[in-house]
N, C-alpha and C. Protein backbone atom coordinates (compact mmCIF):
# COMPACT_ATOMS: atom_id res chain seq x y z
N UNK A 1 -8.10 -4.69 13.58
CA UNK A 1 -8.31 -5.93 12.83
C UNK A 1 -8.79 -5.54 11.55
N UNK A 2 -8.03 -6.16 10.47
CA UNK A 2 -8.07 -5.98 9.10
C UNK A 2 -9.50 -6.56 8.47
N UNK A 3 -10.00 -6.02 7.70
CA UNK A 3 -11.26 -6.10 7.28
C UNK A 3 -11.28 -7.05 5.91
N UNK A 4 -10.89 -8.33 5.51
CA UNK A 4 -10.80 -8.87 4.55
C UNK A 4 -11.86 -8.43 3.47
N UNK A 5 -12.93 -8.36 3.63
CA UNK A 5 -13.90 -7.77 2.56
C UNK A 5 -13.25 -6.51 1.57
N UNK A 6 -12.96 -5.60 2.84
CA UNK A 6 -12.34 -4.06 2.42
C UNK A 6 -10.96 -4.73 1.66
N UNK A 7 -10.14 -5.29 1.76
CA UNK A 7 -8.96 -6.03 1.44
C UNK A 7 -9.31 -6.38 -0.29
N UNK A 8 -10.30 -7.07 -0.21
CA UNK A 8 -10.85 -7.81 -1.74
C UNK A 8 -11.06 -6.81 -2.42
N UNK A 9 -11.91 -5.90 -1.77
CA UNK A 9 -12.43 -4.83 -2.81
C UNK A 9 -11.53 -3.87 -3.39
N UNK A 10 -10.20 -3.79 -2.60
CA UNK A 10 -9.22 -2.90 -3.06
C UNK A 10 -8.49 -3.68 -4.16
N UNK A 11 -8.27 -4.87 -3.67
CA UNK A 11 -7.36 -5.87 -4.74
C UNK A 11 -8.29 -5.61 -6.05
N UNK A 12 -9.48 -5.96 -6.14
CA UNK A 12 -10.23 -5.82 -7.47
C UNK A 12 -9.89 -4.59 -7.86
N UNK A 13 -10.28 -3.52 -7.13
CA UNK A 13 -10.09 -1.87 -7.97
C UNK A 13 -8.51 -1.83 -8.41
N UNK A 14 -7.53 -2.26 -8.11
CA UNK A 14 -6.39 -2.37 -8.52
C UNK A 14 -5.89 -3.13 -9.83
N UNK A 15 -6.61 -4.54 -9.96
CA UNK A 15 -6.51 -5.02 -10.64
C UNK A 15 -7.31 -4.49 -12.31
N UNK A 16 -8.44 -3.77 -11.73
CA UNK A 16 -9.22 -3.11 -12.81
C UNK A 16 -8.30 -2.29 -13.37
N UNK A 17 -7.71 -1.42 -12.35
CA UNK A 17 -6.81 0.06 -12.91
C UNK A 17 -5.34 -0.74 -13.83
N UNK A 18 -4.88 -1.85 -13.38
CA UNK A 18 -3.86 -2.37 -14.09
C UNK A 18 -4.28 -2.77 -15.45
N UNK A 19 -5.58 -3.79 -15.30
CA UNK A 19 -5.99 -4.00 -16.94
C UNK A 19 -6.39 -2.88 -17.77
N UNK A 20 -6.75 -1.70 -17.07
CA UNK A 20 -6.88 -0.42 -18.36
C UNK A 20 -5.10 0.03 -18.66
N UNK A 21 -4.30 -0.38 -17.91
CA UNK A 21 -3.01 0.39 -18.13
C UNK A 21 -2.25 -0.62 -18.93
N UNK A 22 -2.60 -1.92 -18.51
CA UNK A 22 -1.44 -2.68 -19.32
C UNK A 22 -2.11 -4.13 -20.05
N UNK A 23 -1.73 -4.37 -21.03
CA UNK A 23 -2.38 -5.78 -21.94
C UNK A 23 -1.80 -6.95 -21.21
N UNK A 24 -0.70 -6.90 -20.52
CA UNK A 24 0.14 -8.14 -19.99
C UNK A 24 -0.35 -8.46 -18.22
N UNK A 25 -0.10 -9.44 -17.62
CA UNK A 25 -0.87 -9.75 -16.72
C UNK A 25 0.46 -9.23 -15.36
N UNK A 26 0.09 -8.62 -14.65
CA UNK A 26 0.71 -8.12 -13.31
C UNK A 26 0.54 -8.63 -12.19
N UNK A 27 1.33 -9.14 -11.39
CA UNK A 27 1.12 -9.79 -10.31
C UNK A 27 1.00 -8.84 -9.14
N UNK A 28 0.01 -9.01 -8.31
CA UNK A 28 0.06 -8.02 -6.91
C UNK A 28 0.57 -8.67 -5.71
N UNK A 29 1.73 -8.50 -5.16
CA UNK A 29 2.31 -8.94 -4.04
C UNK A 29 1.97 -8.39 -2.87
N UNK A 30 1.23 -8.50 -1.91
CA UNK A 30 0.72 -7.96 -0.81
C UNK A 30 1.77 -8.06 -0.04
N UNK A 31 2.05 -6.61 0.59
CA UNK A 31 3.48 -6.69 1.39
C UNK A 31 2.75 -6.41 2.70
N UNK A 32 2.90 -7.83 3.62
CA UNK A 32 2.64 -7.71 4.96
C UNK A 32 3.46 -7.88 6.00
N UNK A 33 4.42 -7.12 5.63
CA UNK A 33 5.32 -6.93 6.64
C UNK A 33 4.90 -6.00 7.64
N UNK A 34 5.08 -6.38 9.08
CA UNK A 34 4.75 -5.58 10.31
C UNK A 34 3.26 -5.71 10.26
N UNK A 35 2.43 -6.47 9.60
CA UNK A 35 0.97 -6.92 9.80
C UNK A 35 1.07 -8.40 10.25
N UNK A 36 -0.21 -8.68 11.01
CA UNK A 36 -0.01 -9.97 11.29
C UNK A 36 -0.89 -10.81 10.55
N UNK A 37 -1.10 -12.08 10.77
CA UNK A 37 -1.84 -13.21 10.10
C UNK A 37 -2.87 -12.76 9.52
N UNK A 38 -3.75 -11.61 10.01
CA UNK A 38 -4.91 -11.36 9.70
C UNK A 38 -4.85 -10.64 8.25
N UNK A 39 -3.80 -9.99 7.99
CA UNK A 39 -3.57 -9.46 6.55
C UNK A 39 -3.22 -10.55 5.60
N UNK A 40 -2.35 -11.52 6.05
CA UNK A 40 -1.97 -12.78 5.45
C UNK A 40 -3.55 -13.54 4.82
N UNK A 41 -4.12 -13.76 5.63
CA UNK A 41 -5.58 -14.49 5.44
C UNK A 41 -6.11 -13.31 4.41
N UNK A 42 -6.37 -12.20 4.68
CA UNK A 42 -7.29 -11.31 3.79
C UNK A 42 -6.43 -11.24 2.39
N UNK A 43 -5.19 -11.53 2.48
CA UNK A 43 -4.35 -11.39 0.93
C UNK A 43 -4.69 -12.78 0.19
N UNK A 44 -4.59 -13.97 1.34
CA UNK A 44 -4.90 -15.09 0.59
C UNK A 44 -6.41 -15.04 -0.07
N UNK A 45 -7.40 -14.36 0.75
CA UNK A 45 -8.89 -14.65 0.48
C UNK A 45 -9.10 -13.62 -0.86
N UNK A 46 -8.42 -12.55 -1.05
CA UNK A 46 -8.38 -11.56 -2.28
C UNK A 46 -7.73 -12.08 -3.37
N UNK A 47 -7.11 -13.49 -3.36
CA UNK A 47 -6.33 -13.97 -4.43
C UNK A 47 -5.04 -13.08 -5.10
N UNK A 48 -4.53 -12.69 -3.83
CA UNK A 48 -3.16 -12.09 -4.42
C UNK A 48 -2.48 -13.16 -4.83
N UNK A 49 -1.17 -12.36 -5.48
CA UNK A 49 -0.24 -13.53 -6.11
C UNK A 49 0.63 -13.94 -5.45
N UNK A 50 1.05 -13.26 -4.10
CA UNK A 50 2.26 -13.77 -3.19
C UNK A 50 2.23 -12.61 -2.11
N UNK A 51 2.70 -13.05 -1.18
CA UNK A 51 3.08 -12.12 0.08
C UNK A 51 4.32 -11.48 -0.25
N UNK A 52 4.76 -10.10 0.32
CA UNK A 52 6.00 -9.83 0.43
C UNK A 52 6.33 -9.39 2.02
N UNK A 53 7.56 -9.83 2.40
CA UNK A 53 8.26 -9.79 3.70
C UNK A 53 9.49 -8.97 3.57
N UNK A 54 9.77 -8.27 4.53
CA UNK A 54 11.20 -7.76 4.74
C UNK A 54 12.33 -8.10 5.69
N UNK A 55 11.47 -8.75 6.74
CA UNK A 55 12.45 -8.92 7.68
C UNK A 55 12.55 -10.29 8.01
N UNK A 56 13.78 -10.82 8.11
CA UNK A 56 13.86 -12.42 8.15
C UNK A 56 13.54 -12.85 9.69
N UNK A 57 13.73 -12.43 10.67
CA UNK A 57 13.02 -12.82 11.82
C UNK A 57 11.57 -12.48 11.77
N UNK A 58 10.96 -11.86 11.32
CA UNK A 58 9.28 -12.00 11.07
C UNK A 58 8.70 -12.76 10.28
N UNK A 59 9.62 -13.24 8.97
CA UNK A 59 9.16 -14.33 8.19
C UNK A 59 9.28 -15.55 9.11
N UNK A 60 10.11 -15.99 9.89
CA UNK A 60 10.31 -16.90 10.58
C UNK A 60 9.39 -17.06 11.46
N UNK A 61 9.06 -16.07 12.35
CA UNK A 61 7.95 -16.22 13.20
C UNK A 61 6.69 -16.48 12.71
N UNK A 62 6.43 -15.91 11.73
CA UNK A 62 5.11 -16.09 10.83
C UNK A 62 4.85 -17.54 10.28
N UNK A 63 5.96 -18.06 9.87
CA UNK A 63 5.78 -19.63 9.18
C UNK A 63 5.54 -20.28 10.08
N UNK A 64 6.19 -20.11 11.32
CA UNK A 64 6.10 -21.17 12.76
C UNK A 64 4.63 -20.95 13.12
N UNK A 65 4.27 -19.76 13.11
CA UNK A 65 2.65 -19.56 13.72
C UNK A 65 1.67 -20.10 13.01
N UNK A 66 1.91 -20.40 11.91
CA UNK A 66 0.91 -20.77 10.79
C UNK A 66 1.09 -20.99 9.39
N UNK A 67 0.63 -21.94 8.78
CA UNK A 67 1.05 -21.72 7.13
C UNK A 67 0.44 -20.40 6.66
N UNK A 68 1.25 -20.23 5.73
CA UNK A 68 1.36 -18.72 4.94
C UNK A 68 0.13 -18.65 3.90
N UNK A 69 -0.09 -19.73 2.70
CA UNK A 69 -1.03 -20.00 1.94
C UNK A 69 -0.86 -19.57 0.49
N UNK A 70 0.31 -18.49 0.38
CA UNK A 70 0.90 -17.83 -0.57
C UNK A 70 2.24 -18.27 -0.76
N UNK A 71 2.68 -17.82 -1.88
CA UNK A 71 4.00 -18.00 -2.09
C UNK A 71 4.78 -16.79 -1.20
N UNK A 72 5.89 -16.76 -0.76
CA UNK A 72 6.41 -15.75 -0.02
C UNK A 72 7.83 -14.89 -0.80
N UNK A 73 7.73 -13.83 -1.16
CA UNK A 73 8.70 -13.05 -1.68
C UNK A 73 9.49 -12.07 -0.40
N UNK A 74 10.59 -12.29 -0.68
CA UNK A 74 11.63 -11.77 0.29
C UNK A 74 12.19 -10.43 -0.48
N UNK A 75 11.61 -9.31 -0.11
CA UNK A 75 11.69 -8.23 -0.67
C UNK A 75 12.69 -6.76 0.09
N UNK A 76 13.17 -7.67 1.15
CA UNK A 76 13.88 -6.45 1.78
C UNK A 76 15.71 -6.68 1.87
N UNK A 77 16.23 -6.23 2.19
CA UNK A 77 17.88 -6.23 2.32
C UNK A 77 18.01 -7.29 2.82
N UNK A 78 18.73 -8.31 2.26
CA UNK A 78 19.19 -9.73 2.46
C UNK A 78 20.54 -9.72 3.14
N UNK A 79 20.56 -10.55 4.36
CA UNK A 79 21.71 -10.74 5.03
C UNK A 79 22.07 -12.30 4.78
N UNK A 80 23.30 -11.99 4.55
CA UNK A 80 23.94 -13.56 4.06
C UNK A 80 23.59 -14.39 5.18
N UNK A 81 23.71 -14.28 6.34
CA UNK A 81 23.59 -15.07 7.48
C UNK A 81 22.26 -15.53 7.80
N UNK A 82 21.31 -14.85 7.18
CA UNK A 82 19.92 -15.24 7.38
C UNK A 82 19.33 -16.43 6.45
N UNK A 83 20.36 -16.49 5.20
CA UNK A 83 19.71 -17.22 4.00
C UNK A 83 19.31 -18.42 4.14
N UNK A 84 20.41 -19.09 5.00
CA UNK A 84 20.09 -20.90 5.27
C UNK A 84 18.86 -20.89 5.99
N UNK A 85 18.28 -20.03 7.16
CA UNK A 85 17.33 -20.40 7.76
C UNK A 85 16.21 -20.10 6.87
N UNK A 86 15.93 -19.01 6.02
CA UNK A 86 14.96 -18.56 5.09
C UNK A 86 14.62 -19.26 3.69
N UNK A 87 15.98 -19.91 3.66
CA UNK A 87 15.82 -20.50 2.25
C UNK A 87 14.37 -21.52 2.03
N UNK A 88 13.95 -22.39 2.84
CA UNK A 88 13.01 -23.21 2.58
C UNK A 88 11.63 -22.75 2.62
N UNK A 89 11.46 -21.16 2.63
CA UNK A 89 9.99 -20.54 2.69
C UNK A 89 9.84 -19.64 1.85
N UNK A 90 11.34 -19.26 1.05
CA UNK A 90 11.18 -17.86 0.08
C UNK A 90 11.10 -18.62 -1.25
N UNK A 91 10.11 -18.35 -1.92
CA UNK A 91 9.60 -18.72 -3.54
C UNK A 91 10.39 -17.62 -4.14
N UNK A 92 10.43 -16.62 -4.07
CA UNK A 92 11.47 -15.36 -4.95
C UNK A 92 11.99 -14.57 -3.93
N UNK A 93 13.58 -14.11 -4.46
CA UNK A 93 14.18 -13.44 -3.54
C UNK A 93 14.31 -12.23 -4.42
N UNK A 94 13.45 -10.90 -3.91
CA UNK A 94 13.81 -9.61 -4.59
C UNK A 94 14.73 -8.85 -4.15
N UNK A 95 15.53 -8.16 -4.42
CA UNK A 95 16.11 -7.56 -3.68
C UNK A 95 17.72 -7.76 -3.71
N UNK A 96 18.00 -8.60 -4.85
CA UNK A 96 19.44 -8.96 -4.67
C UNK A 96 20.38 -8.43 -5.23
N UNK A 97 21.18 -7.50 -4.53
CA UNK A 97 22.45 -6.72 -5.14
C UNK A 97 23.67 -6.75 -4.87
N UNK A 98 23.90 -7.87 -4.63
CA UNK A 98 25.47 -8.04 -4.01
C UNK A 98 25.77 -9.37 -4.46
N UNK A 99 27.25 -9.52 -4.88
CA UNK A 99 27.96 -10.89 -4.73
C UNK A 99 27.71 -12.05 -3.83
N UNK A 100 27.78 -11.21 -2.73
CA UNK A 100 28.29 -12.10 -1.52
C UNK A 100 26.83 -12.86 -1.18
N UNK A 101 25.90 -12.23 -1.56
CA UNK A 101 24.29 -12.68 -1.39
C UNK A 101 24.20 -13.81 -2.25
N UNK A 102 24.56 -13.53 -3.59
CA UNK A 102 24.81 -14.42 -4.95
C UNK A 102 25.14 -15.61 -4.37
N UNK A 103 26.38 -15.56 -3.87
CA UNK A 103 27.25 -16.68 -3.35
C UNK A 103 26.28 -17.52 -2.11
N UNK A 104 26.14 -16.87 -1.41
CA UNK A 104 25.43 -17.76 -0.37
C UNK A 104 23.93 -18.34 -0.58
N UNK A 105 23.37 -17.61 -1.51
CA UNK A 105 22.09 -18.54 -2.24
C UNK A 105 22.40 -19.75 -3.05
N UNK A 106 23.54 -19.33 -3.76
CA UNK A 106 23.88 -20.51 -4.55
C UNK A 106 24.33 -21.84 -3.66
N UNK A 107 24.89 -21.54 -2.56
CA UNK A 107 25.28 -22.56 -1.45
C UNK A 107 23.94 -23.10 -0.59
N UNK A 108 23.24 -21.99 -0.33
CA UNK A 108 22.11 -22.70 0.43
C UNK A 108 21.11 -22.96 -0.18
N UNK A 109 20.57 -22.01 -1.20
CA UNK A 109 19.41 -22.40 -1.94
C UNK A 109 19.51 -22.42 -3.39
N UNK A 110 20.33 -23.58 -3.96
CA UNK A 110 20.69 -23.79 -5.21
C UNK A 110 19.34 -23.78 -6.35
N UNK A 111 19.26 -23.22 -7.26
CA UNK A 111 18.35 -23.06 -7.98
C UNK A 111 17.36 -22.27 -7.59
N UNK A 112 17.31 -21.40 -6.33
CA UNK A 112 16.57 -20.37 -6.22
C UNK A 112 16.14 -19.32 -7.19
N UNK A 113 14.99 -18.78 -7.27
CA UNK A 113 14.67 -17.77 -8.19
C UNK A 113 14.73 -16.14 -7.52
N UNK A 114 15.46 -15.29 -8.38
CA UNK A 114 15.80 -14.38 -7.77
C UNK A 114 15.58 -12.88 -8.81
N UNK A 115 15.40 -11.79 -8.26
CA UNK A 115 15.41 -10.91 -8.92
C UNK A 115 16.59 -9.75 -8.56
N UNK A 116 17.17 -9.09 -9.66
CA UNK A 116 18.59 -8.22 -9.29
C UNK A 116 17.89 -6.63 -8.95
N UNK A 117 18.04 -6.33 -7.87
CA UNK A 117 17.53 -5.07 -7.27
C UNK A 117 18.68 -3.72 -8.00
N UNK A 118 18.03 -2.79 -8.72
CA UNK A 118 18.73 -1.74 -9.90
C UNK A 118 18.48 -0.60 -9.01
N UNK A 119 19.41 0.49 -8.62
CA UNK A 119 19.17 1.39 -8.17
C UNK A 119 19.00 2.75 -9.37
N UNK A 120 17.78 2.78 -9.38
CA UNK A 120 17.48 3.49 -11.01
C UNK A 120 17.26 5.16 -10.88
N UNK A 121 17.16 5.64 -9.35
CA UNK A 121 17.01 6.88 -9.29
C UNK A 121 18.23 7.51 -8.69
N UNK A 122 19.25 6.88 -8.63
CA UNK A 122 20.67 7.08 -8.32
C UNK A 122 20.63 7.79 -6.78
N UNK A 123 19.83 7.41 -5.97
CA UNK A 123 19.53 7.77 -4.85
C UNK A 123 20.73 6.98 -3.70
N UNK A 124 21.35 8.01 -3.03
CA UNK A 124 22.26 7.23 -1.96
C UNK A 124 21.54 6.37 -1.12
N UNK A 125 20.04 6.85 -0.77
CA UNK A 125 19.74 6.25 0.23
C UNK A 125 18.94 4.84 -0.25
N UNK A 126 18.98 4.63 -1.57
CA UNK A 126 18.40 3.41 -2.04
C UNK A 126 19.60 2.42 -2.32
N UNK A 127 19.16 1.08 -1.82
CA UNK A 127 19.87 -0.15 -2.30
C UNK A 127 19.64 -0.38 -3.94
N UNK A 128 20.56 -1.20 -4.17
CA UNK A 128 20.49 -1.67 -5.64
C UNK A 128 21.98 -1.80 -6.34
N UNK A 129 22.01 -2.18 -7.21
CA UNK A 129 23.36 -2.02 -8.04
C UNK A 129 23.23 -1.06 -8.87
N UNK A 130 24.43 -0.36 -9.61
CA UNK A 130 24.13 0.51 -10.83
C UNK A 130 23.16 -0.15 -11.89
N UNK A 131 23.00 0.57 -12.69
CA UNK A 131 22.58 -0.08 -14.26
C UNK A 131 23.51 -0.85 -14.90
N UNK A 132 24.83 0.16 -15.01
CA UNK A 132 26.17 -0.27 -15.57
C UNK A 132 26.69 -1.82 -15.14
N UNK A 133 26.07 -2.03 -13.81
CA UNK A 133 26.87 -3.19 -13.04
C UNK A 133 25.89 -4.37 -13.31
N UNK A 134 24.51 -4.00 -13.71
CA UNK A 134 23.58 -5.27 -13.80
C UNK A 134 23.96 -6.62 -14.36
N UNK A 135 24.65 -6.45 -15.44
CA UNK A 135 24.95 -7.50 -16.51
C UNK A 135 26.04 -8.54 -15.73
N UNK A 136 26.79 -7.88 -15.06
CA UNK A 136 28.14 -8.69 -14.35
C UNK A 136 27.56 -9.20 -13.09
N UNK A 137 26.31 -8.72 -12.48
CA UNK A 137 25.44 -9.47 -11.20
C UNK A 137 24.85 -10.42 -11.95
N UNK A 138 24.07 -10.47 -13.09
CA UNK A 138 23.20 -11.06 -13.66
C UNK A 138 24.27 -12.67 -13.90
N UNK A 139 25.73 -12.32 -14.73
CA UNK A 139 26.34 -13.37 -14.79
C UNK A 139 26.75 -14.20 -13.64
N UNK A 140 27.05 -13.60 -12.74
CA UNK A 140 27.43 -14.24 -11.18
C UNK A 140 26.31 -14.88 -10.90
N UNK A 141 24.87 -14.33 -10.78
CA UNK A 141 23.98 -15.40 -10.50
C UNK A 141 23.65 -16.52 -11.24
N UNK A 142 23.95 -16.60 -12.65
CA UNK A 142 23.80 -17.75 -13.65
C UNK A 142 25.03 -18.57 -13.40
N UNK A 143 25.99 -18.19 -12.70
CA UNK A 143 27.18 -18.98 -12.50
C UNK A 143 27.20 -19.90 -11.14
N UNK A 144 26.47 -19.19 -10.29
CA UNK A 144 26.07 -19.64 -9.31
C UNK A 144 24.88 -20.64 -9.22
N UNK A 145 24.34 -20.79 -10.42
CA UNK A 145 23.06 -21.75 -10.13
C UNK A 145 21.68 -21.35 -9.98
N UNK A 146 21.68 -19.89 -9.91
CA UNK A 146 20.38 -19.25 -9.45
C UNK A 146 19.47 -18.94 -10.78
N UNK A 147 18.31 -18.91 -11.03
CA UNK A 147 17.24 -18.50 -11.84
C UNK A 147 17.23 -17.09 -11.55
N UNK A 148 17.65 -16.13 -12.74
CA UNK A 148 17.55 -14.54 -12.41
C UNK A 148 16.02 -14.66 -13.42
N UNK A 149 15.05 -14.06 -12.74
CA UNK A 149 13.91 -14.03 -13.60
C UNK A 149 13.75 -12.60 -14.17
N UNK A 150 14.37 -11.51 -13.25
CA UNK A 150 14.18 -10.16 -13.77
C UNK A 150 14.86 -9.31 -12.95
N UNK A 151 14.53 -8.11 -12.81
CA UNK A 151 14.88 -6.93 -12.22
C UNK A 151 14.09 -6.51 -11.14
N UNK A 152 14.17 -5.80 -10.27
CA UNK A 152 13.44 -4.88 -9.33
C UNK A 152 14.13 -3.66 -8.88
N UNK A 153 13.04 -2.49 -8.86
CA UNK A 153 13.84 -1.17 -8.35
C UNK A 153 12.44 -0.62 -7.52
N UNK A 154 13.18 0.54 -6.55
CA UNK A 154 12.06 1.26 -5.72
C UNK A 154 12.17 2.84 -6.23
N UNK A 155 10.81 2.81 -6.55
CA UNK A 155 10.64 4.49 -7.09
C UNK A 155 11.20 5.81 -6.53
N UNK A 156 11.17 6.89 -7.04
CA UNK A 156 11.80 8.20 -6.42
C UNK A 156 11.32 8.34 -4.90
N UNK A 157 11.76 8.87 -4.30
CA UNK A 157 11.51 9.30 -2.97
C UNK A 157 10.79 10.47 -3.39
N UNK A 158 10.89 11.20 -4.18
CA UNK A 158 10.08 12.76 -4.68
C UNK A 158 9.13 12.26 -4.41
N UNK A 159 8.58 11.26 -5.07
CA UNK A 159 7.05 10.99 -5.54
C UNK A 159 6.71 11.80 -6.94
N UNK A 160 7.68 12.19 -7.43
CA UNK A 160 7.70 13.03 -8.81
C UNK A 160 7.29 12.05 -9.55
N UNK A 161 6.07 12.09 -10.44
CA UNK A 161 5.77 11.31 -11.67
C UNK A 161 6.84 11.36 -12.90
N UNK A 162 7.26 12.15 -13.17
CA UNK A 162 7.95 12.37 -14.12
C UNK A 162 9.60 11.62 -13.89
N UNK A 163 10.20 11.93 -12.60
CA UNK A 163 11.17 10.90 -11.97
C UNK A 163 10.87 9.55 -11.95
N UNK A 164 9.45 9.07 -11.71
CA UNK A 164 9.12 7.78 -11.41
C UNK A 164 9.12 7.23 -12.89
N UNK A 165 8.64 7.93 -13.86
CA UNK A 165 8.65 7.31 -15.31
C UNK A 165 10.11 7.21 -15.74
N UNK A 166 10.88 7.99 -15.44
CA UNK A 166 12.20 7.88 -16.22
C UNK A 166 12.67 6.58 -15.24
N UNK A 167 12.84 6.32 -14.09
CA UNK A 167 13.20 5.31 -13.53
C UNK A 167 12.68 4.09 -13.87
N UNK A 168 11.35 3.98 -13.88
CA UNK A 168 10.83 2.60 -14.29
C UNK A 168 10.74 2.54 -15.86
N UNK A 169 10.82 3.47 -16.68
CA UNK A 169 11.22 2.95 -18.16
C UNK A 169 12.83 2.58 -18.43
N UNK A 170 13.33 3.20 -17.38
CA UNK A 170 15.03 2.61 -17.39
C UNK A 170 15.09 1.14 -17.10
N UNK A 171 14.62 0.71 -15.85
CA UNK A 171 14.46 -0.58 -15.50
C UNK A 171 13.83 -1.52 -16.98
N UNK A 172 12.81 -1.02 -17.25
CA UNK A 172 12.06 -1.94 -18.42
C UNK A 172 12.86 -2.16 -19.49
N UNK A 173 13.83 -1.05 -20.14
CA UNK A 173 14.51 -1.18 -20.82
C UNK A 173 15.81 -1.98 -21.11
N UNK A 174 16.32 -1.85 -19.52
CA UNK A 174 17.28 -2.79 -19.21
C UNK A 174 16.95 -4.15 -19.11
N UNK A 175 15.70 -4.60 -18.56
CA UNK A 175 15.37 -5.93 -18.66
C UNK A 175 15.14 -6.52 -19.78
N UNK A 176 14.69 -5.54 -20.53
CA UNK A 176 14.41 -6.27 -21.88
C UNK A 176 15.65 -6.17 -22.74
N UNK A 177 16.51 -5.57 -22.51
CA UNK A 177 18.09 -5.48 -23.43
C UNK A 177 18.72 -6.83 -22.78
N UNK A 178 18.26 -7.14 -21.56
CA UNK A 178 19.13 -8.37 -20.84
C UNK A 178 18.14 -9.88 -21.15
N UNK A 179 17.02 -9.68 -21.83
CA UNK A 179 16.01 -10.73 -22.31
C UNK A 179 15.72 -11.32 -20.78
N UNK A 180 15.40 -10.31 -19.93
CA UNK A 180 14.51 -10.73 -18.78
C UNK A 180 13.37 -10.56 -18.37
N UNK A 181 12.33 -11.56 -18.29
CA UNK A 181 11.01 -11.05 -18.30
C UNK A 181 10.19 -10.28 -16.97
N UNK A 182 10.62 -10.24 -16.07
CA UNK A 182 10.12 -9.77 -14.94
C UNK A 182 10.44 -8.36 -14.53
N UNK A 183 9.65 -7.50 -14.22
CA UNK A 183 10.07 -6.12 -13.82
C UNK A 183 9.19 -5.98 -12.60
N UNK A 184 9.84 -5.94 -11.31
CA UNK A 184 9.07 -5.59 -10.08
C UNK A 184 9.17 -4.34 -9.75
N UNK A 185 8.35 -3.51 -10.04
CA UNK A 185 8.53 -2.18 -9.83
C UNK A 185 6.99 -1.42 -9.56
N UNK A 186 7.14 -0.36 -8.70
CA UNK A 186 5.55 0.12 -8.29
C UNK A 186 4.94 -0.59 -6.97
N UNK A 187 4.95 0.77 -5.90
CA UNK A 187 4.46 0.58 -4.89
C UNK A 187 3.04 1.18 -4.70
N UNK A 188 2.65 1.29 -3.31
CA UNK A 188 0.99 1.68 -3.42
C UNK A 188 0.89 3.08 -3.67
N UNK A 189 1.91 4.09 -3.85
CA UNK A 189 1.97 5.51 -4.27
C UNK A 189 2.50 5.46 -5.77
N UNK A 190 2.99 4.75 -6.46
CA UNK A 190 3.23 4.82 -7.88
C UNK A 190 3.03 3.72 -8.56
N UNK A 191 2.20 2.61 -8.00
CA UNK A 191 2.06 1.37 -9.14
C UNK A 191 1.20 1.99 -10.66
N UNK A 192 0.56 2.82 -10.50
CA UNK A 192 -0.22 2.94 -11.80
C UNK A 192 0.90 3.51 -12.99
N UNK A 193 1.72 4.34 -12.62
CA UNK A 193 2.98 4.58 -13.45
C UNK A 193 3.82 3.57 -13.48
N UNK A 194 4.15 2.95 -12.66
CA UNK A 194 5.21 1.63 -13.17
C UNK A 194 4.41 0.69 -14.36
N UNK A 195 3.14 0.41 -13.76
CA UNK A 195 2.26 -0.49 -14.63
C UNK A 195 2.23 0.10 -16.28
N UNK A 196 2.05 1.05 -16.20
CA UNK A 196 2.44 2.09 -17.65
C UNK A 196 3.63 1.92 -18.25
N UNK A 197 4.64 1.84 -17.31
CA UNK A 197 5.93 1.62 -18.01
C UNK A 197 6.56 0.20 -17.88
N UNK A 198 5.41 -0.47 -17.85
CA UNK A 198 6.09 -1.89 -18.26
C UNK A 198 6.08 -3.07 -16.88
N UNK A 199 5.67 -2.69 -15.80
CA UNK A 199 5.84 -3.40 -14.68
C UNK A 199 5.00 -4.55 -14.81
N UNK A 200 5.47 -5.87 -14.24
CA UNK A 200 5.15 -7.25 -14.36
C UNK A 200 4.53 -7.62 -12.97
N UNK A 201 4.90 -6.92 -11.98
CA UNK A 201 4.79 -7.12 -10.32
C UNK A 201 5.25 -5.88 -9.62
N UNK A 202 3.69 -5.64 -8.96
CA UNK A 202 3.72 -4.44 -8.02
C UNK A 202 3.60 -4.89 -6.75
N UNK A 203 4.29 -3.91 -5.73
CA UNK A 203 4.60 -4.72 -4.48
C UNK A 203 3.29 -3.67 -3.67
N UNK A 204 2.21 -3.91 -3.03
CA UNK A 204 1.34 -3.04 -2.46
C UNK A 204 0.95 -3.54 -1.16
N UNK A 205 1.26 -2.57 -0.26
CA UNK A 205 1.06 -2.72 1.18
C UNK A 205 0.00 -1.83 2.02
N UNK A 206 0.20 -0.45 2.16
CA UNK A 206 -0.45 0.50 2.60
C UNK A 206 -1.85 0.47 2.23
N UNK A 207 -2.03 0.31 0.75
CA UNK A 207 -3.01 0.55 -0.39
C UNK A 207 -4.06 -0.62 0.08
N UNK A 208 -3.55 -1.52 0.65
CA UNK A 208 -4.39 -2.63 0.64
C UNK A 208 -4.66 -2.92 2.40
N UNK A 209 -3.82 -2.81 3.01
CA UNK A 209 -3.92 -2.90 4.58
C UNK A 209 -4.19 -1.59 5.70
N UNK A 210 -3.87 -0.38 5.08
CA UNK A 210 -3.98 0.69 5.97
C UNK A 210 -2.68 1.25 6.32
N UNK A 211 -2.22 2.09 6.89
CA UNK A 211 -0.94 2.69 7.54
C UNK A 211 -0.32 1.72 8.33
N UNK A 212 1.03 1.63 8.43
CA UNK A 212 1.71 0.75 9.28
C UNK A 212 1.99 1.61 10.71
N UNK A 213 2.01 0.65 11.88
CA UNK A 213 1.77 1.53 13.12
C UNK A 213 3.18 0.97 13.94
N UNK A 214 3.87 -0.03 13.28
CA UNK A 214 5.23 -0.48 13.87
C UNK A 214 6.33 -0.41 13.09
N UNK A 215 7.47 -1.01 13.68
CA UNK A 215 8.55 -0.94 13.04
C UNK A 215 9.12 0.52 12.04
């Protein structure tokens, strides 16, 4: 069972670290994938800004079980055939990296807010559009009637600080060049580096709730 008091202390510590590293507001997205409603309740009590979920069926099961109490960000790979079911519940679609998903969101969730996922580390195992293709994907999103709030990336698998800085700074530079305000970058192991590089949104799971034991 997750201790909400412990989660609240961890959120407070992260907010203090963020305040020291950045002069701008940084949203904390509590990644509750694979955890139960006890994690969601703890995130609500700790005044996180949103919860992040990766799996369509898990989102649907959770919202059916009880109200979430925070905005839900979908941060996993988006399957076009799941958009219609998820649309009523998702406040921000992070991880949009294909025109097929943009087309489906335009049809099923007109006006939806999205982040475009960029592969800033050039790793084959990472999802995301290449940096040079972001502008055309942005144009497709706007044409489909979606609200493109910014960009999202995942830091390097290596965990190397220098590599992380390079990846995160490249995303911030790209977002600025496109006049996009949001940069979702940084997770439990690298959020400090991400915030120093201009992140406006960090996705924190194990740092709040402990290691995952399933999925």
